[in-house]
Amino acid sequence: MVKSIPKSEDGHGVLVIRDKHNYMITLNTNAMRFTLWQIKPGKPEEYDKIGTADTPFKLYKKIDQLEGV
């Protein structure tokens, strides 16, 4: 769990809001790697790194698995 997204995740991010949790997909433009984070509510927010992939579509499938879709 981290308190902020690493600066290496410097590309555009996508916020994904689902019934159970909120997620963020970030892009490391240097490595061309996407990372899936689960946003933990609180003040301040914290983030759990769930996984990485070469395309965001693989991470959307991971979100569906986590949410039981």
Protein backbone atom coordinates (compact mmCIF):
# COMPACT_ATOMS: atom_id res chain seq x y z
CA MET A 1 0.00 0.00 0.00
CA VAL A 2 1.31 3.45 -0.91
CA LYS A 3 0.17 6.95 0.02
CA SER A 4 0.68 8.36 -3.48
CA ILE A 5 1.09 7.11 -7.02
CA PRO A 6 4.81 6.96 -7.97
CA LYS A 7 6.11 9.77 -10.18
CA SER A 8 7.20 7.16 -12.74
CA GLU A 9 3.50 6.73 -13.55
CA ASP A 10 3.62 9.87 -15.67
CA GLY A 11 1.08 9.18 -18.41
CA HIS A 12 -2.64 9.78 -18.52
CA GLY A 13 -4.62 7.90 -15.90
CA VAL A 14 -8.13 6.50 -15.95
CA LEU A 15 -10.46 6.40 -12.95
CA VAL A 16 -12.73 3.33 -12.88
CA ILE A 17 -15.70 3.47 -10.48
CA ARG A 18 -17.44 0.21 -9.67
CA ASP A 19 -19.97 -0.92 -7.08
CA LYS A 20 -17.49 -2.33 -4.57
CA HIS A 21 -14.32 -0.27 -5.08
CA ASN A 22 -12.75 2.53 -7.07
CA TYR A 23 -9.69 1.85 -9.21
CA MET A 24 -7.12 3.84 -11.13
CA ILE A 25 -5.14 2.72 -14.16
CA THR A 26 -1.93 4.67 -14.69
CA LEU A 27 0.67 4.62 -17.45
CA ASN A 28 4.44 4.58 -17.12
CA THR A 29 5.40 6.16 -20.47
CA ASN A 30 9.06 5.18 -20.17
CA ALA A 31 8.33 1.45 -19.77
CA MET A 32 5.00 1.59 -21.70
CA ARG A 33 3.40 -0.33 -18.84
CA PHE A 34 -0.05 0.15 -17.32
CA THR A 35 -0.61 -0.30 -13.58
CA LEU A 36 -3.88 -1.04 -11.78
CA TRP A 37 -4.38 0.52 -8.35
CA GLN A 38 -7.25 0.01 -5.93
CA ILE A 39 -8.09 3.28 -4.20
CA LYS A 40 -8.52 2.85 -0.45
CA PRO A 41 -10.82 5.54 0.98
CA GLY A 42 -9.62 7.70 3.80
CA LYS A 43 -7.88 10.95 4.48
CA PRO A 44 -5.45 10.84 2.84
CA GLU A 45 -6.32 8.18 0.28
CA GLU A 46 -4.02 5.18 -0.06
CA TYR A 47 -3.48 2.91 -3.05
CA ASP A 48 -2.98 -0.86 -3.35
CA LYS A 49 -1.04 -1.95 -6.42
CA ILE A 50 -3.04 -4.79 -7.96
CA GLY A 51 -1.02 -5.56 -11.09
CA THR A 52 0.59 -4.40 -14.31
CA ALA A 53 0.01 -5.16 -17.98
CA ASP A 54 1.07 -4.06 -21.43
CA THR A 55 -2.49 -2.97 -22.30
CA PRO A 56 -5.21 -1.43 -20.12
CA PHE A 57 -7.75 -3.96 -21.46
CA LYS A 58 -6.09 -6.75 -19.47
CA LEU A 59 -6.49 -4.62 -16.35
CA TYR A 60 -10.19 -4.03 -17.05
CA LYS A 61 -10.59 -7.82 -17.08
CA LYS A 62 -8.78 -7.98 -13.73
CA ILE A 63 -11.22 -5.40 -12.31
CA ASP A 64 -14.15 -7.55 -13.51
CA GLN A 65 -12.61 -10.55 -11.71
CA LEU A 66 -12.12 -8.57 -8.50
CA GLU A 67 -15.68 -7.27 -8.62
CA GLY A 68 -17.14 -10.70 -9.40
CA VAL A 69 -18.53 -9.67 -12.80
